Amino acid sequence: MSLRDETNVIPLHEPLSSHSNEHESIGREQARRHRESDKDRAFALVGSALLQLPIWGFAMSYGVMQEYYVDHWMLQGDRKLTGIIGTTSNGVMYLSMPFLFALFTSRWARYRQVAAVVGALLACSGFVLSSLSKHVWHLVATQGVLAALGCALIYSPTTLSLGEWFNTENRICNRAIAYGICLSSKNIVGSVCPFIFRGLLDRYGFRTTLSAGYGIPQTYLSEYARNVSALSPTFSTLLLTLINIPGICSSTFFGFLSDNKHFQLSASTVTGISAISSALAAFLFWGLAARGDIALLVLFALTFGFFASGYSATWGGIMKNLEHDAAEENEAIDSGILYGLLNGARGVGYVAGGLVSVPLIKAGSTDSMGHFGYGTTYGPLILFTGLSLAFGGWGLVISPKWKTLLRLPSV
């Protein structure tokens, strides 16, 4: 009997204790992996945010360069062609992204780091070579094409890696908010670089500046402030900075609107808010700004900067919706290639805007300067900007499911 009691008592403790220790060990290991994973995600986000400086510094501050080129013309060719350099740079970057995202998603994924290094070398070479330019087309080729390709080679692999780190919901933030934070960093760059470029250009000239360092409103607003509103170069540079400052908050804000758990808005709704509000800012504030009207120009820079800067941050929500639809249809979808295609579509807009902007300015009234912006030589350009933005959000209105997109009850 005592032997039976002994045998009954022994198995009650030993296996239970071993089982409990095993669970505790597994729990500690999982917690450690979660901490390391969150830490790696945070480093990936910080690294991507810091890389926005070399990628977007020139493109977002080109208005300062454009103004300097016009005031200190020393090249052969039509100085008005300098207006297409900034839009060409953005266009080349965005148009190349669908191809680069597709290549670095699967086939050349192991070459992402090499591509980023090559891109940095190309970008530096492009800006250094542009300092030797003798003709205006040299600037278009070096700054608008070569340097832009280099920046795209940096942006594409790093953004792909960021999207992979945040491809599912985690304890830090989701993918749309991660993209929004990076775009906020991009606008920090756009807020600081105009003053840096202005100081370097005034002190050293464009050749030394380009050797050392490296949308339409961003290109022409500074020039408009000088020529039409008769503002000082410092205030013209400030306007360009004011376009980018609101984007620091709006990119993260629109990323949150596109993908959050508290209240859900469809991707079309968020995109429509960004596009239509930007169009209204162009029509009402830029178009109606009288000569010397500083207040309306500042109001335009702030409102346009807030709503237009948040446009790219809505793509995270678009990708989430498409991935959800693909899952329901049991279809495969590559989010990296999809993000590249969205960038490519924006590149078409940049290139089209650059090609159209020069003839639009030539078509403007040069003899009778009107009281408002519409009556100046920039009038057709203002109308084109507002209309193109309005049509960008028109899909919200013509969608057959617009009530569903807005989540309104049927009448």
Protein backbone atom coordinates (compact mmCIF):
# COMPACT_ATOMS: atom_id res chain seq x y z
CA MET A 1 0.00 0.00 0.00
CA SER A 2 2.82 2.40 0.83
CA LEU A 3 4.44 1.47 -2.46
CA ARG A 4 1.20 2.31 -4.30
CA ASP A 5 1.01 5.66 -2.48
CA GLU A 6 4.59 6.37 -3.45
CA THR A 7 3.93 5.64 -7.08
CA ASN A 8 0.82 7.79 -7.02
CA VAL A 9 2.60 10.78 -5.49
CA ILE A 10 5.73 10.87 -7.64
CA PRO A 11 4.08 11.46 -11.07
CA LEU A 12 1.88 14.25 -9.71
CA HIS A 13 4.76 16.77 -9.34
CA GLU A 14 7.58 15.92 -11.69
CA PRO A 15 5.79 16.15 -15.08
CA LEU A 16 3.80 19.22 -14.00
CA SER A 17 6.93 21.10 -12.95
CA SER A 18 8.74 20.19 -16.17
CA HIS A 19 5.75 21.23 -18.27
CA SER A 20 5.51 24.60 -16.47
CA ASN A 21 9.22 25.33 -16.92
CA GLU A 22 8.98 24.52 -20.60
CA HIS A 23 6.09 26.97 -21.05
CA GLU A 24 7.97 29.69 -19.18
CA SER A 25 11.04 29.15 -21.33
CA ILE A 26 8.98 29.36 -24.54
CA GLY A 27 7.25 32.50 -23.27
CA ARG A 28 10.56 34.20 -22.48
CA GLU A 29 11.95 33.28 -25.89
CA GLN A 30 8.88 34.64 -27.68
CA ALA A 31 9.03 37.87 -25.66
CA ARG A 32 12.72 38.27 -26.55
CA ARG A 33 11.99 37.73 -30.25
CA HIS A 34 9.15 40.26 -30.12
CA ARG A 35 11.46 42.85 -28.55
CA GLU A 36 14.17 42.23 -31.14
CA SER A 37 11.63 42.34 -33.96
CA ASP A 38 10.17 45.64 -32.72
CA LYS A 39 13.70 47.03 -32.36
CA ASP A 40 14.60 46.02 -35.92
CA ARG A 41 11.38 47.57 -37.23
CA ALA A 42 12.17 50.81 -35.42
CA PHE A 43 15.70 50.90 -36.88
CA ALA A 44 14.33 50.24 -40.38
CA LEU A 45 11.86 53.12 -39.97
CA VAL A 46 14.48 55.54 -38.64
CA GLY A 47 16.92 54.59 -41.42
CA SER A 48 14.30 55.09 -44.13
CA ALA A 49 13.34 58.44 -42.64
CA LEU A 50 16.95 59.68 -42.60
CA LEU A 51 17.46 58.66 -46.23
CA GLN A 52 14.81 61.16 -47.33
CA LEU A 53 17.43 63.95 -47.16
CA PRO A 54 19.69 62.82 -50.03
CA ILE A 55 16.72 61.49 -52.00
CA TRP A 56 14.35 64.47 -51.95
CA GLY A 57 16.45 67.46 -50.86
CA PHE A 58 17.04 68.80 -54.38
CA ALA A 59 13.67 67.89 -55.91
CA MET A 60 11.66 69.56 -53.14
CA SER A 61 13.81 72.70 -53.09
CA TYR A 62 14.19 73.22 -56.81
CA GLY A 63 12.10 76.41 -56.74
CA VAL A 64 15.08 78.19 -55.16
CA MET A 65 17.39 76.90 -57.90
CA GLN A 66 14.86 77.94 -60.56
CA GLU A 67 14.73 81.48 -59.21
CA TYR A 68 18.53 81.69 -59.08
CA TYR A 69 18.92 80.42 -62.65
CA VAL A 70 16.51 83.06 -63.96
CA ASP A 71 18.13 85.93 -62.04
CA HIS A 72 21.76 84.89 -62.74
CA TRP A 73 21.56 83.42 -66.23
CA MET A 74 24.98 82.34 -67.54
CA LEU A 75 24.14 79.37 -69.79
CA GLN A 76 23.29 78.99 -73.45
CA GLY A 77 19.68 78.30 -74.41
CA ASP A 78 16.28 79.53 -73.27
CA ARG A 79 16.26 80.23 -69.53
CA LYS A 80 12.55 79.32 -69.35
CA LEU A 81 13.51 75.69 -69.98
CA THR A 82 14.92 75.57 -66.47
CA GLY A 83 11.32 75.23 -65.33
CA ILE A 84 11.19 71.64 -66.56
CA ILE A 85 14.26 70.50 -64.59
CA GLY A 86 12.46 70.11 -61.27
CA THR A 87 9.43 68.37 -62.75
CA THR A 88 11.67 66.17 -64.92
CA SER A 89 13.64 65.14 -61.85
CA ASN A 90 10.48 64.13 -59.99
CA GLY A 91 9.04 62.52 -63.11
CA VAL A 92 12.11 60.38 -63.81
CA MET A 93 12.23 59.23 -60.20
CA TYR A 94 8.58 58.26 -60.04
CA LEU A 95 8.42 56.74 -63.55
CA SER A 96 11.42 54.51 -62.89
CA MET A 97 9.99 53.17 -59.64
CA PRO A 98 7.56 50.59 -61.11
CA PHE A 99 10.47 48.90 -62.91
CA LEU A 100 12.87 49.16 -59.96
CA PHE A 101 10.29 47.93 -57.46
CA ALA A 102 9.53 44.95 -59.72
CA LEU A 103 13.23 44.07 -60.10
CA PHE A 104 14.11 44.38 -56.41
CA THR A 105 10.99 42.59 -55.17
CA SER A 106 12.09 39.11 -56.21
CA ARG A 107 14.69 38.71 -58.97
CA TRP A 108 17.30 41.15 -57.69
CA ALA A 109 16.27 41.30 -54.03
CA ARG A 110 19.78 40.31 -52.90
CA TYR A 111 21.24 43.36 -54.69
CA ARG A 112 19.24 45.98 -52.79
CA GLN A 113 22.17 47.30 -50.77
CA VAL A 114 24.43 47.38 -53.82
CA ALA A 115 21.77 49.29 -55.76
CA ALA A 116 21.47 51.91 -53.02
CA VAL A 117 25.25 52.48 -53.04
CA VAL A 118 25.31 52.73 -56.85
CA GLY A 119 22.39 55.16 -56.66
CA ALA A 120 24.27 57.39 -54.22
CA LEU A 121 27.28 57.47 -56.58
CA LEU A 122 25.06 58.30 -59.57
CA ALA A 123 23.29 61.10 -57.70
CA CYS A 124 26.58 62.67 -56.57
CA SER A 125 28.02 62.36 -60.09
CA GLY A 126 24.94 64.00 -61.59
CA PHE A 127 25.13 67.05 -59.34
CA VAL A 128 28.91 67.43 -59.72
CA LEU A 129 28.66 67.19 -63.52
CA SER A 130 25.81 69.74 -63.53
CA SER A 131 28.19 72.29 -62.02
CA LEU A 132 30.17 72.11 -65.29
CA SER A 133 27.12 72.84 -67.47
CA LYS A 134 27.48 75.27 -70.37
CA HIS A 135 24.04 74.80 -71.95
CA VAL A 136 20.61 74.50 -70.38
CA TRP A 137 20.13 70.97 -71.70
CA HIS A 138 23.20 69.91 -69.69
CA LEU A 139 21.26 70.77 -66.53
CA VAL A 140 18.24 68.81 -67.73
CA ALA A 141 20.41 65.75 -68.43
CA THR A 142 22.46 65.84 -65.22
CA GLN A 143 20.04 67.18 -62.61
CA GLY A 144 16.78 66.10 -64.20
CA VAL A 145 17.78 62.61 -65.38
CA LEU A 146 21.10 61.26 -64.06
CA ALA A 147 20.80 62.48 -60.46
CA ALA A 148 17.12 61.52 -60.40
CA LEU A 149 17.91 57.94 -61.46
CA GLY A 150 20.47 57.73 -58.67
CA CYS A 151 17.94 58.94 -56.10
CA ALA A 152 15.39 56.41 -57.38
CA LEU A 153 17.95 53.63 -56.91
CA ILE A 154 18.29 54.67 -53.28
CA TYR A 155 14.57 55.07 -52.67
CA SER A 156 13.23 51.88 -54.27
CA PRO A 157 15.13 49.15 -52.35
CA THR A 158 14.92 50.97 -49.02
CA THR A 159 11.17 51.56 -49.35
CA LEU A 160 10.61 47.94 -50.34
CA SER A 161 12.42 46.79 -47.22
CA LEU A 162 10.39 49.18 -45.07
CA GLY A 163 7.14 47.81 -46.51
CA GLU A 164 8.25 44.26 -45.74
CA TRP A 165 9.02 45.14 -42.13
CA PHE A 166 5.55 46.63 -41.71
CA ASN A 167 3.54 44.32 -43.94
CA THR A 168 1.37 43.18 -41.03
CA GLU A 169 -0.05 44.93 -38.00
CA ASN A 170 2.44 45.15 -35.15
CA ARG A 171 2.89 46.90 -31.85
CA ILE A 172 4.68 49.95 -33.24
CA CYS A 173 2.49 51.03 -36.15
CA ASN A 174 1.08 49.65 -39.36
CA ARG A 175 2.40 50.04 -42.90
CA ALA A 176 0.35 53.10 -43.85
CA ILE A 177 1.55 55.01 -40.78
CA ALA A 178 5.15 53.89 -41.41
CA TYR A 179 4.95 55.30 -44.94
CA GLY A 180 3.38 58.45 -43.52
CA ILE A 181 6.23 58.94 -41.04
CA CYS A 182 8.79 58.63 -43.85
CA LEU A 183 6.88 61.14 -45.96
CA SER A 184 6.80 63.48 -42.95
CA SER A 185 10.60 63.26 -42.87
CA LYS A 186 10.58 64.08 -46.57
CA ASN A 187 8.70 67.29 -45.78
CA ILE A 188 11.14 68.15 -43.00
CA VAL A 189 13.81 68.01 -45.69
CA GLY A 190 11.70 70.23 -47.95
CA SER A 191 11.26 72.74 -45.13
CA VAL A 192 14.96 73.10 -44.32
CA CYS A 193 16.74 72.67 -47.65
CA PRO A 194 15.37 75.82 -49.39
CA PHE A 195 17.14 78.05 -46.86
CA ILE A 196 20.30 75.95 -47.07
CA PHE A 197 20.30 76.21 -50.87
CA ARG A 198 19.53 79.93 -50.75
CA GLY A 199 22.46 80.59 -48.41
CA LEU A 200 24.87 78.47 -50.46
CA LEU A 201 23.76 80.02 -53.76
CA ASP A 202 24.06 83.59 -52.48
CA ARG A 203 27.50 82.96 -51.02
CA TYR A 204 29.17 80.55 -53.45
CA GLY A 205 27.11 80.52 -56.66
CA PHE A 206 25.46 77.54 -58.29
CA ARG A 207 28.63 75.83 -59.60
CA THR A 208 30.29 75.57 -56.18
CA THR A 209 26.99 74.73 -54.48
CA LEU A 210 26.28 71.83 -56.84
CA SER A 211 29.83 70.55 -56.55
CA ALA A 212 29.65 70.53 -52.77
CA GLY A 213 26.18 69.27 -52.11
CA TYR A 214 24.87 67.60 -54.13
CA GLY A 215 4.95 69.85 -58.64
CA ILE A 216 4.46 72.97 -60.26
CA PRO A 217 3.81 75.11 -57.14
CA GLN A 218 7.14 73.97 -55.71
CA THR A 219 8.84 75.01 -58.95
CA TYR A 220 7.06 78.28 -59.73
CA LEU A 221 5.68 79.70 -56.46
CA SER A 222 9.01 81.24 -55.48
CA GLU A 223 9.38 82.85 -58.91
CA TYR A 224 5.74 84.02 -58.80
CA ALA A 225 6.34 85.71 -55.44
CA ARG A 226 9.29 87.61 -56.90
CA ASN A 227 7.86 88.60 -60.28
CA VAL A 228 4.19 89.22 -59.47
CA SER A 229 3.98 89.97 -55.75
CA ALA A 230 7.32 91.83 -55.69
CA LEU A 231 8.50 89.99 -52.57
CA SER A 232 12.09 89.74 -51.41
CA PRO A 233 14.20 86.63 -52.18
CA THR A 234 14.11 85.68 -48.50
CA PHE A 235 10.31 85.76 -48.38
CA SER A 236 10.09 83.87 -51.67
CA THR A 237 12.22 81.13 -50.12
CA LEU A 238 10.02 81.21 -47.01
CA LEU A 239 6.94 80.49 -49.15
CA LEU A 240 8.60 77.37 -50.52
CA THR A 241 9.39 76.29 -46.98
CA LEU A 242 5.81 76.96 -45.87
CA ILE A 243 4.57 74.50 -48.51
CA ASN A 244 6.65 71.72 -46.97
CA ILE A 245 6.23 72.42 -43.24
CA PRO A 246 2.55 71.32 -43.02
CA GLY A 247 3.45 68.06 -44.74
CA ILE A 248 5.47 67.05 -41.68
CA CYS A 249 2.18 66.49 -39.85
CA SER A 250 -0.18 65.83 -42.76
CA SER A 251 1.69 62.81 -44.15
CA THR A 252 1.44 60.95 -40.86
CA PHE A 253 -2.14 62.21 -40.41
CA PHE A 254 -3.31 60.96 -43.82
CA GLY A 255 -1.47 57.69 -43.27
CA PHE A 256 -3.43 57.29 -40.02
CA LEU A 257 -6.72 58.14 -41.78
CA SER A 258 -5.99 55.53 -44.44
CA ASP A 259 -5.42 52.67 -42.03
CA ASN A 260 -6.55 52.78 -38.42
CA LYS A 261 -8.74 50.75 -36.09
CA HIS A 262 -10.69 53.57 -34.44
CA PHE A 263 -12.70 54.87 -37.40
CA GLN A 264 -12.46 53.58 -40.94
CA LEU A 265 -12.52 55.72 -44.07
CA SER A 266 -12.19 54.21 -47.50
CA ALA A 267 -9.03 54.89 -49.50
CA SER A 268 -11.06 56.78 -52.12
CA THR A 269 -12.52 59.07 -49.46
CA VAL A 270 -9.12 59.96 -48.01
CA THR A 271 -7.61 60.46 -51.47
CA GLY A 272 -10.55 62.66 -52.46
CA ILE A 273 -10.09 64.86 -49.38
CA SER A 274 -6.44 65.41 -50.29
CA ALA A 275 -6.97 66.07 -54.01
CA ILE A 276 -10.08 68.26 -53.89
CA SER A 277 -8.84 70.36 -50.96
CA SER A 278 -5.54 70.98 -52.80
CA ALA A 279 -7.46 72.07 -55.90
CA LEU A 280 -9.61 74.49 -53.89
CA ALA A 281 -6.47 75.99 -52.34
CA ALA A 282 -5.04 76.65 -55.81
CA PHE A 283 -8.28 78.14 -57.19
CA LEU A 284 -9.20 80.30 -54.18
CA PHE A 285 -5.92 81.35 -52.59
CA TRP A 286 -3.30 81.34 -55.37
CA GLY A 287 -5.64 82.42 -58.16
CA LEU A 288 -7.24 85.24 -56.15
CA ALA A 289 -4.01 86.55 -54.63
CA ALA A 290 -3.65 90.19 -55.65
CA ARG A 291 -0.33 91.86 -56.38
CA GLY A 292 1.51 92.23 -53.10
CA ASP A 293 -1.07 90.15 -51.21
CA ILE A 294 1.21 88.29 -48.84
CA ALA A 295 -1.55 86.89 -46.63
CA LEU A 296 -3.26 84.86 -49.37
CA LEU A 297 0.04 83.48 -50.66
CA VAL A 298 0.97 82.33 -47.15
CA LEU A 299 -2.50 80.81 -46.72
CA PHE A 300 -2.12 79.02 -50.06
CA ALA A 301 1.30 77.66 -49.15
CA LEU A 302 0.04 76.29 -45.82
CA THR A 303 -3.24 74.76 -47.06
CA PHE A 304 -1.83 73.41 -50.31
CA GLY A 305 1.18 72.04 -48.47
CA PHE A 306 -0.99 70.25 -45.91
CA PHE A 307 -3.42 68.56 -48.29
CA ALA A 308 -1.11 67.94 -51.27
CA SER A 309 1.70 66.55 -49.13
CA GLY A 310 -0.64 63.95 -47.66
CA TYR A 311 -1.56 62.49 -51.06
CA SER A 312 1.21 59.89 -51.21
CA ALA A 313 0.44 58.82 -47.64
CA THR A 314 -2.98 57.57 -48.80
CA TRP A 315 -1.35 54.82 -50.86
CA GLY A 316 -0.94 52.59 -47.81
CA GLY A 317 -4.72 52.48 -47.48
CA ILE A 318 -5.16 51.82 -51.21
CA MET A 319 -2.76 48.89 -50.98
CA LYS A 320 -4.57 47.50 -47.95
CA ASN A 321 -7.92 47.64 -49.78
CA LEU A 322 -6.52 45.93 -52.87
CA GLU A 323 -4.85 43.24 -50.78
CA HIS A 324 -8.16 42.63 -48.98
CA ASP A 325 -10.02 42.34 -52.30
CA ALA A 326 -7.36 39.98 -53.66
CA ALA A 327 -7.62 37.79 -50.56
CA GLU A 328 -11.39 37.56 -50.95
CA GLU A 329 -10.96 36.47 -54.57
CA ASN A 330 -8.16 34.08 -53.58
CA GLU A 331 -5.72 35.92 -55.85
CA ALA A 332 -2.07 36.80 -55.29
CA ILE A 333 -0.91 40.42 -55.23
CA ASP A 334 2.59 41.85 -54.79
CA SER A 335 2.42 44.93 -52.58
CA GLY A 336 5.93 46.05 -53.58
CA ILE A 337 5.13 46.15 -57.29
CA LEU A 338 1.78 47.80 -56.50
CA TYR A 339 3.51 50.59 -54.58
CA GLY A 340 5.92 51.05 -57.47
CA LEU A 341 3.01 51.40 -59.92
CA LEU A 342 1.39 54.05 -57.73
CA ASN A 343 4.66 56.00 -57.77
CA GLY A 344 4.86 55.56 -61.54
CA ALA A 345 1.40 57.03 -62.00
CA ARG A 346 2.50 60.10 -60.08
CA GLY A 347 5.57 60.34 -62.30
CA VAL A 348 3.33 60.68 -65.35
CA GLY A 349 1.77 63.72 -63.69
CA TYR A 350 5.15 65.30 -62.98
CA VAL A 351 6.39 64.83 -66.54
CA ALA A 352 3.13 66.09 -68.03
CA GLY A 353 3.17 69.10 -65.73
CA GLY A 354 6.74 69.93 -66.69
CA LEU A 355 6.06 69.70 -70.41
CA VAL A 356 2.89 71.79 -70.19
CA SER A 357 4.09 74.44 -67.74
CA VAL A 358 6.47 76.28 -70.10
CA PRO A 359 3.91 76.82 -72.91
CA LEU A 360 1.27 77.72 -70.31
CA ILE A 361 3.44 80.52 -68.96
CA LYS A 362 4.11 81.74 -72.49
CA ALA A 363 0.35 81.76 -73.10
CA GLY A 364 -0.25 83.96 -70.06
CA SER A 365 -0.91 87.68 -70.28
CA THR A 366 2.35 89.63 -70.29
CA ASP A 367 1.04 93.00 -71.49
CA SER A 368 -1.73 93.63 -68.95
CA MET A 369 -0.90 92.33 -65.52
CA GLY A 370 -4.27 91.64 -63.88
CA HIS A 371 -5.22 92.41 -60.33
CA PHE A 372 -5.43 88.73 -59.34
CA GLY A 373 -3.21 85.76 -60.09
CA TYR A 374 -5.52 84.67 -62.91
CA GLY A 375 -4.75 87.87 -64.82
CA THR A 376 -0.98 87.44 -64.74
CA THR A 377 1.34 85.42 -66.93
CA TYR A 378 0.90 82.59 -64.41
CA GLY A 379 -2.90 82.52 -64.82
CA PRO A 380 -3.08 79.49 -67.18
CA LEU A 381 -0.61 77.65 -64.95
CA ILE A 382 -2.79 78.25 -61.87
CA LEU A 383 -5.87 76.96 -63.70
CA PHE A 384 -4.01 73.87 -64.92
CA THR A 385 -2.77 73.13 -61.40
CA GLY A 386 -6.25 73.38 -59.88
CA LEU A 387 -7.95 71.37 -62.64
CA SER A 388 -5.38 68.57 -62.61
CA LEU A 389 -5.75 68.23 -58.84
CA ALA A 390 -9.54 68.30 -59.06
CA PHE A 391 -9.58 65.53 -61.65
CA GLY A 392 -7.26 63.57 -59.37
CA GLY A 393 -10.07 63.32 -56.83
CA TRP A 394 -12.86 62.95 -59.41
CA GLY A 395 -12.81 59.15 -59.08
CA LEU A 396 -14.54 59.59 -55.73
CA VAL A 397 -17.53 61.23 -57.42
CA ILE A 398 -17.88 59.05 -60.51
CA SER A 399 -17.32 55.74 -58.70
CA PRO A 400 -20.43 53.53 -58.96
CA LYS A 401 -19.93 52.61 -55.31
CA TRP A 402 -19.51 56.14 -54.02
CA LYS A 403 -22.07 55.70 -51.26
CA THR A 404 -20.28 52.59 -50.08
CA LEU A 405 -16.93 54.38 -50.24
CA LEU A 406 -18.28 57.20 -48.13
CA ARG A 407 -20.08 54.69 -45.91
CA LEU A 408 -23.39 56.54 -46.27
CA PRO A 409 -26.75 54.79 -45.91
CA SER A 410 -28.73 54.21 -49.08
CA VAL A 411 -31.56 56.63 -49.74
